[in-house]
PDB file of N, CA and C in Angstrom:
ATOM      1  N   MET A   1       0.781  -1.175  -0.001  1.00  0.00           N
ATOM      2  CA  MET A   1      -0.019   0.056  -0.058  1.00  0.00           C
ATOM      3  C   MET A   1       0.891   1.282  -0.031  1.00  0.00           C
ATOM      4  N   ALA A   2       0.506   2.219  -0.805  1.00  0.00           N
ATOM      5  CA  ALA A   2       1.296   3.383  -0.947  1.00  0.00           C
ATOM      6  C   ALA A   2       0.627   4.590  -0.219  1.00  0.00           C
ATOM      7  N   THR A   3       1.389   5.456   0.337  1.00  0.00           N
ATOM      8  CA  THR A   3       0.927   6.604   1.009  1.00  0.00           C
ATOM      9  C   THR A   3       1.318   7.891   0.197  1.00  0.00           C
ATOM     10  N   LEU A   4       0.434   8.761  -0.041  1.00  0.00           N
ATOM     11  CA  LEU A   4       0.758   9.987  -0.798  1.00  0.00           C
ATOM     12  C   LEU A   4       0.565  11.133   0.132  1.00  0.00           C
ATOM     13  N   THR A   5       1.480  11.985   0.241  1.00  0.00           N
ATOM     14  CA  THR A   5       1.367  13.129   1.123  1.00  0.00           C
ATOM     15  C   THR A   5       1.684  14.394   0.216  1.00  0.00           C
ATOM     16  N   THR A   6       0.796  15.312   0.223  1.00  0.00           N
ATOM     17  CA  THR A   6       0.998  16.533  -0.579  1.00  0.00           C
ATOM     18  C   THR A   6       0.975  17.777   0.384  1.00  0.00           C
ATOM     19  N   THR A   7       1.780  18.671   0.059  1.00  0.00           N
ATOM     20  CA  THR A   7       1.799  19.922   0.785  1.00  0.00           C
ATOM     21  C   THR A   7       1.329  20.996  -0.153  1.00  0.00           C
ATOM     22  N   HIS A   8       0.334  21.736   0.387  1.00  0.00           N
ATOM     23  CA  HIS A   8      -0.219  22.785  -0.372  1.00  0.00           C
ATOM     24  C   HIS A   8       0.259  24.126   0.104  1.00  0.00           C
ATOM     25  N   THR A   9       1.058  24.765  -0.708  1.00  0.00           N
ATOM     26  CA  THR A   9       1.575  26.169  -0.325  1.00  0.00           C
ATOM     27  C   THR A   9       0.865  27.157  -1.165  1.00  0.00           C
ATOM     28  N   GLY A  10      -0.460  27.046  -1.170  1.00  0.00           N
ATOM     29  CA  GLY A  10      -1.288  27.825  -1.988  1.00  0.00           C
ATOM     30  C   GLY A  10      -1.104  29.346  -1.796  1.00  0.00           C
ATOM     31  N   LEU A  11      -1.400  30.031  -2.856  1.00  0.00           N
ATOM     32  CA  LEU A  11      -1.273  31.504  -2.800  1.00  0.00           C
ATOM     33  C   LEU A  11      -2.372  32.076  -1.987  1.00  0.00           C
ATOM     34  N   ASN A  12      -2.051  32.968  -1.044  1.00  0.00           N
ATOM     35  CA  ASN A  12      -3.057  33.676  -0.224  1.00  0.00           C
ATOM     36  C   ASN A  12      -3.616  34.732  -1.081  1.00  0.00           C
ATOM     37  N   ILE A  13      -4.800  34.584  -1.479  1.00  0.00           N
ATOM     38  CA  ILE A  13      -5.447  35.570  -2.393  1.00  0.00           C
ATOM     39  C   ILE A  13      -5.617  36.893  -1.700  1.00  0.00           C
ATOM     40  N   THR A  14      -5.849  36.942  -0.366  1.00  0.00           N
ATOM     41  CA  THR A  14      -5.953  38.248   0.339  1.00  0.00           C
ATOM     42  C   THR A  14      -4.681  38.976   0.297  1.00  0.00           C
ATOM     43  N   ALA A  15      -3.534  38.314   0.405  1.00  0.00           N
ATOM     44  CA  ALA A  15      -2.286  38.984   0.332  1.00  0.00           C
ATOM     45  C   ALA A  15      -2.053  39.606  -1.046  1.00  0.00           C
ATOM     46  N   VAL A  16      -2.551  38.952  -2.066  1.00  0.00           N
ATOM     47  CA  VAL A  16      -2.357  39.442  -3.472  1.00  0.00           C
ATOM     48  C   VAL A  16      -3.061  40.683  -3.649  1.00  0.00           C
ATOM     49  N   PHE A  17      -4.303  40.791  -3.169  1.00  0.00           N
ATOM     50  CA  PHE A  17      -5.140  41.950  -3.423  1.00  0.00           C
ATOM     51  C   PHE A  17      -4.932  43.131  -2.424  1.00  0.00           C
ATOM     52  N   LYS A  18      -4.207  42.888  -1.350  1.00  0.00           N
ATOM     53  CA  LYS A  18      -4.008  43.879  -0.268  1.00  0.00           C
ATOM     54  C   LYS A  18      -3.511  45.255  -0.815  1.00  0.00           C
ATOM     55  N   PRO A  19      -2.467  45.234  -1.627  1.00  0.00           N
ATOM     56  CA  PRO A  19      -1.928  46.444  -2.136  1.00  0.00           C
ATOM     57  C   PRO A  19      -2.972  47.236  -3.052  1.00  0.00           C
ATOM     58  N   PHE A  20      -3.716  46.511  -3.791  1.00  0.00           N
ATOM     59  CA  PHE A  20      -4.741  47.106  -4.626  1.00  0.00           C
ATOM     60  C   PHE A  20      -5.916  47.726  -3.809  1.00  0.00           C
ATOM     61  N   VAL A  21      -6.281  47.075  -2.765  1.00  0.00           N
ATOM     62  CA  VAL A  21      -7.261  47.604  -1.840  1.00  0.00           C
ATOM     63  C   VAL A  21      -6.769  48.848  -1.102  1.00  0.00           C
ATOM     64  N   ALA A  22      -5.448  48.847  -0.741  1.00  0.00           N
ATOM     65  CA  ALA A  22      -4.860  50.036  -0.081  1.00  0.00           C
ATOM     66  C   ALA A  22      -4.808  51.170  -1.115  1.00  0.00           C
ATOM     67  N   LEU A  23      -4.489  50.880  -2.335  1.00  0.00           N
ATOM     68  CA  LEU A  23      -4.481  51.908  -3.335  1.00  0.00           C
ATOM     69  C   LEU A  23      -5.798  52.562  -3.598  1.00  0.00           C
ATOM     70  N   GLY A  24      -6.845  51.630  -3.712  1.00  0.00           N
ATOM     71  CA  GLY A  24      -8.151  52.114  -3.871  1.00  0.00           C
ATOM     72  C   GLY A  24      -8.681  52.972  -2.720  1.00  0.00           C
ATOM     73  N   LYS A  25      -8.342  52.614  -1.485  1.00  0.00           N
ATOM     74  CA  LYS A  25      -8.846  53.504  -0.399  1.00  0.00           C
ATOM     75  C   LYS A  25      -8.031  54.781  -0.422  1.00  0.00           C
ATOM     76  N   PHE A  26      -6.851  54.813  -0.850  1.00  0.00           N
ATOM     77  CA  PHE A  26      -6.031  56.001  -0.922  1.00  0.00           C
ATOM     78  C   PHE A  26      -6.690  56.964  -1.899  1.00  0.00           C
ATOM     79  N   LEU A  27      -6.998  56.451  -3.159  1.00  0.00           N
ATOM     80  CA  LEU A  27      -7.582  57.268  -4.149  1.00  0.00           C
ATOM     81  C   LEU A  27      -8.950  57.826  -3.703  1.00  0.00           C
ATOM     82  N   VAL A  28      -9.714  57.029  -3.058  1.00  0.00           N
ATOM     83  CA  VAL A  28     -11.047  57.558  -2.511  1.00  0.00           C
ATOM     84  C   VAL A  28     -10.869  58.623  -1.565  1.00  0.00           C
ATOM     85  N   GLN A  29      -9.836  58.450  -0.622  1.00  0.00           N
ATOM     86  CA  GLN A  29      -9.496  59.596   0.360  1.00  0.00           C
ATOM     87  C   GLN A  29      -9.055  60.806  -0.348  1.00  0.00           C
ATOM     88  N   LEU A  30      -8.270  60.575  -1.347  1.00  0.00           N
ATOM     89  CA  LEU A  30      -7.782  61.739  -2.121  1.00  0.00           C
ATOM     90  C   LEU A  30      -8.889  62.523  -2.781  1.00  0.00           C
ATOM     91  N   GLY A  31      -9.780  61.753  -3.411  1.00  0.00           N
ATOM     92  CA  GLY A  31     -10.874  62.422  -4.063  1.00  0.00           C
ATOM     93  C   GLY A  31     -11.846  63.120  -3.112  1.00  0.00           C
ATOM     94  N   GLU A  32     -12.070  62.477  -1.895  1.00  0.00           N
ATOM     95  CA  GLU A  32     -13.033  63.103  -0.959  1.00  0.00           C
ATOM     96  C   GLU A  32     -12.383  64.246  -0.226  1.00  0.00           C
ATOM     97  N   SER A  33     -11.120  64.366  -0.230  1.00  0.00           N
ATOM     98  CA  SER A  33     -10.468  65.477   0.449  1.00  0.00           C
ATOM     99  C   SER A  33     -10.487  66.747  -0.362  1.00  0.00           C
ATOM    100  N   ASN A  34     -10.823  66.629  -1.622  1.00  0.00           N
ATOM    101  CA  ASN A  34     -10.898  67.747  -2.504  1.00  0.00           C
ATOM    102  C   ASN A  34     -11.884  68.730  -2.017  1.00  0.00           C
ATOM    103  N   ALA A  35     -11.518  70.018  -1.982  1.00  0.00           N
ATOM    104  CA  ALA A  35     -12.386  71.071  -1.465  1.00  0.00           C
ATOM    105  C   ALA A  35     -13.768  71.134  -2.198  1.00  0.00           C
ATOM    106  N   ARG A  36     -13.750  70.947  -3.485  1.00  0.00           N
ATOM    107  CA  ARG A  36     -14.970  71.005  -4.242  1.00  0.00           C
ATOM    108  C   ARG A  36     -15.921  69.881  -3.887  1.00  0.00           C
ATOM    109  N   VAL A  37     -15.386  68.694  -3.597  1.00  0.00           N
ATOM    110  CA  VAL A  37     -16.194  67.596  -3.199  1.00  0.00           C
ATOM    111  C   VAL A  37     -16.784  67.896  -1.830  1.00  0.00           C
ATOM    112  N   GLN A  38     -16.060  68.547  -0.998  1.00  0.00           N
ATOM    113  CA  GLN A  38     -16.592  68.889   0.387  1.00  0.00           C
ATOM    114  C   GLN A  38     -17.710  69.871   0.188  1.00  0.00           C
ATOM    115  N   VAL A  39     -17.535  70.884  -0.622  1.00  0.00           N
ATOM    116  CA  VAL A  39     -18.656  71.877  -0.918  1.00  0.00           C
ATOM    117  C   VAL A  39     -19.877  71.160  -1.472  1.00  0.00           C
ATOM    118  N   MET A  40     -19.624  70.251  -2.455  1.00  0.00           N
ATOM    119  CA  MET A  40     -20.730  69.537  -2.986  1.00  0.00           C
ATOM    120  C   MET A  40     -21.464  68.711  -1.984  1.00  0.00           C
ATOM    121  N   ARG A  41     -20.743  68.027  -1.149  1.00  0.00           N
ATOM    122  CA  ARG A  41     -21.321  67.208  -0.113  1.00  0.00           C
ATOM    123  C   ARG A  41     -22.217  68.119   0.840  1.00  0.00           C
ATOM    124  N   LYS A  42     -21.634  69.254   1.181  1.00  0.00           N
ATOM    125  CA  LYS A  42     -22.422  70.130   2.091  1.00  0.00           C
ATOM    126  C   LYS A  42     -23.690  70.669   1.397  1.00  0.00           C
ATOM    127  N   LEU A  43     -23.602  70.955   0.105  1.00  0.00           N
ATOM    128  CA  LEU A  43     -24.827  71.436  -0.585  1.00  0.00           C
ATOM    129  C   LEU A  43     -25.816  70.256  -0.679  1.00  0.00           C
ATOM    130  N   MET A  44     -25.338  68.977  -0.907  1.00  0.00           N
ATOM    131  CA  MET A  44     -26.236  67.869  -1.137  1.00  0.00           C
ATOM    132  C   MET A  44     -26.981  67.587   0.233  1.00  0.00           C
ATOM    133  N   GLU A  45     -26.400  67.983   1.392  1.00  0.00           N
ATOM    134  CA  GLU A  45     -27.034  67.731   2.606  1.00  0.00           C
ATOM    135  C   GLU A  45     -28.137  68.757   2.972  1.00  0.00           C
ATOM    136  N   MET A  46     -28.154  69.808   2.172  1.00  0.00           N
ATOM    137  CA  MET A  46     -29.220  70.838   2.435  1.00  0.00           C
ATOM    138  C   MET A  46     -30.530  70.367   1.909  1.00  0.00           C
ATOM    139  N   SER A  47     -31.608  71.006   2.444  1.00  0.00           N
ATOM    140  CA  SER A  47     -32.913  70.680   1.954  1.00  0.00           C
ATOM    141  C   SER A  47     -33.222  71.465   0.670  1.00  0.00           C
ATOM    142  N   ASP A  48     -34.188  71.065  -0.077  1.00  0.00           N
ATOM    143  CA  ASP A  48     -34.513  71.764  -1.308  1.00  0.00           C
ATOM    144  C   ASP A  48     -34.892  73.187  -1.070  1.00  0.00           C
ATOM    145  N   GLU A  49     -35.485  73.496   0.096  1.00  0.00           N
ATOM    146  CA  GLU A  49     -35.816  74.862   0.438  1.00  0.00           C
ATOM    147  C   GLU A  49     -34.611  75.738   0.656  1.00  0.00           C
ATOM    148  N   GLU A  50     -33.577  75.180   1.365  1.00  0.00           N
ATOM    149  CA  GLU A  50     -32.330  75.838   1.570  1.00  0.00           C
ATOM    150  C   GLU A  50     -31.558  76.122   0.274  1.00  0.00           C
ATOM    151  N   LEU A  51     -31.623  75.056  -0.578  1.00  0.00           N
ATOM    152  CA  LEU A  51     -30.983  75.348  -1.905  1.00  0.00           C
ATOM    153  C   LEU A  51     -31.708  76.372  -2.735  1.00  0.00           C
ATOM    154  N   ALA A  52     -32.977  76.395  -2.625  1.00  0.00           N
ATOM    155  CA  ALA A  52     -33.839  77.441  -3.334  1.00  0.00           C
ATOM    156  C   ALA A  52     -33.459  78.870  -2.916  1.00  0.00           C
ATOM    157  N   LYS A  53     -33.200  78.996  -1.609  1.00  0.00           N
ATOM    158  CA  LYS A  53     -32.784  80.307  -1.020  1.00  0.00           C
ATOM    159  C   LYS A  53     -31.495  80.790  -1.639  1.00  0.00           C
ATOM    160  N   ARG A  54     -30.633  79.740  -2.014  1.00  0.00           N
ATOM    161  CA  ARG A  54     -29.356  80.091  -2.593  1.00  0.00           C
ATOM    162  C   ARG A  54     -29.457  80.187  -4.177  1.00  0.00           C
ATOM    163  N   GLY A  55     -30.701  79.962  -4.688  1.00  0.00           N
ATOM    164  CA  GLY A  55     -30.796  79.995  -6.100  1.00  0.00           C
ATOM    165  C   GLY A  55     -30.415  78.745  -6.814  1.00  0.00           C
ATOM    166  N   LEU A  56     -30.418  77.652  -6.119  1.00  0.00           N
ATOM    167  CA  LEU A  56     -29.978  76.440  -6.721  1.00  0.00           C
ATOM    168  C   LEU A  56     -31.052  75.320  -6.708  1.00  0.00           C
ATOM    169  N   LYS A  57     -30.945  74.444  -7.607  1.00  0.00           N
ATOM    170  CA  LYS A  57     -31.724  73.162  -7.635  1.00  0.00           C
ATOM    171  C   LYS A  57     -30.791  72.021  -7.349  1.00  0.00           C
ATOM    172  N   ARG A  58     -31.343  71.015  -6.815  1.00  0.00           N
ATOM    173  CA  ARG A  58     -30.447  69.798  -6.571  1.00  0.00           C
ATOM    174  C   ARG A  58     -29.683  69.306  -7.718  1.00  0.00           C
ATOM    175  N   GLU A  59     -30.403  69.270  -8.866  1.00  0.00           N
ATOM    176  CA  GLU A  59     -29.671  68.756 -10.013  1.00  0.00           C
ATOM    177  C   GLU A  59     -28.653  69.661 -10.621  1.00  0.00           C
ATOM    178  N   ASP A  60     -28.568  70.887 -10.145  1.00  0.00           N
ATOM    179  CA  ASP A  60     -27.521  71.875 -10.647  1.00  0.00           C
ATOM    180  C   ASP A  60     -26.323  71.932  -9.752  1.00  0.00           C
ATOM    181  N   ILE A  61     -26.266  71.183  -8.654  1.00  0.00           N
ATOM    182  CA  ILE A  61     -25.159  71.321  -7.708  1.00  0.00           C
ATOM    183  C   ILE A  61     -23.807  71.080  -8.338  1.00  0.00           C
ATOM    184  N   VAL A  62     -23.743  70.032  -9.113  1.00  0.00           N
ATOM    185  CA  VAL A  62     -22.359  69.603  -9.629  1.00  0.00           C
ATOM    186  C   VAL A  62     -21.933  70.726 -10.643  1.00  0.00           C
ATOM    187  N   GLN A  63     -22.856  71.165 -11.464  1.00  0.00           N
ATOM    188  CA  GLN A  63     -22.544  72.193 -12.454  1.00  0.00           C
ATOM    189  C   GLN A  63     -22.095  73.538 -11.679  1.00  0.00           C
ATOM    190  N   HIS A  64     -22.743  73.818 -10.610  1.00  0.00           N
ATOM    191  CA  HIS A  64     -22.444  75.014  -9.837  1.00  0.00           C
ATOM    192  C   HIS A  64     -21.056  74.883  -9.247  1.00  0.00           C
ATOM    193  N   VAL A  65     -20.774  73.741  -8.560  1.00  0.00           N
ATOM    194  CA  VAL A  65     -19.442  73.602  -7.880  1.00  0.00           C
ATOM    195  C   VAL A  65     -18.262  73.499  -8.836  1.00  0.00           C
ATOM    196  N   PHE A  66     -18.482  72.856  -9.978  1.00  0.00           N
ATOM    197  CA  PHE A  66     -17.467  72.674 -11.014  1.00  0.00           C
ATOM    198  C   PHE A  66     -17.560  73.630 -12.213  1.00  0.00           C
ATOM    199  N   ALA A  67     -18.258  74.714 -11.990  1.00  0.00           N
ATOM    200  CA  ALA A  67     -18.541  75.639 -13.146  1.00  0.00           C
ATOM    201  C   ALA A  67     -17.306  76.084 -13.788  1.00  0.00           C
ATOM    202  N   ASP A  68     -16.293  76.462 -13.064  1.00  0.00           N
ATOM    203  CA  ASP A  68     -15.053  77.063 -13.716  1.00  0.00           C
ATOM    204  C   ASP A  68     -14.163  76.045 -14.302  1.00  0.00           C
ATOM    205  N   LYS A  69     -14.388  74.799 -13.940  1.00  0.00           N
ATOM    206  CA  LYS A  69     -13.589  73.708 -14.490  1.00  0.00           C
ATOM    207  C   LYS A  69     -14.080  73.061 -15.731  1.00  0.00           C
ATOM    208  N   PHE A  70     -15.346  72.702 -15.694  1.00  0.00           N
ATOM    209  CA  PHE A  70     -15.932  71.909 -16.814  1.00  0.00           C
ATOM    210  C   PHE A  70     -17.001  72.524 -17.615  1.00  0.00           C
ATOM    211  N   TYR A  71     -17.740  73.425 -17.028  1.00  0.00           N
ATOM    212  CA  TYR A  71     -18.891  74.072 -17.696  1.00  0.00           C
ATOM    213  C   TYR A  71     -18.562  75.548 -18.049  1.00  0.00           C
ATOM    214  N   ILE A  72     -18.256  75.759 -19.289  1.00  0.00           N
ATOM    215  CA  ILE A  72     -17.847  77.092 -19.740  1.00  0.00           C
ATOM    216  C   ILE A  72     -19.009  77.846 -20.321  1.00  0.00           C
TER     217      ILE A  72
END
């Protein structure tokens, strides 16, 4: 009778993806720390009535915040 012993030194999939997860988190933090994103978040938290007092509609927030960058 023969006995077969195998050793599995399998690749730890978590370790493979760890740098990519860290990079993704870094990029998200970088984007969210942008001053424009913070202004946009603050405006999005306002009620429609508060936005109307500022002369804005909810669908126009992005255009308002990024007006000098993308909307000429």
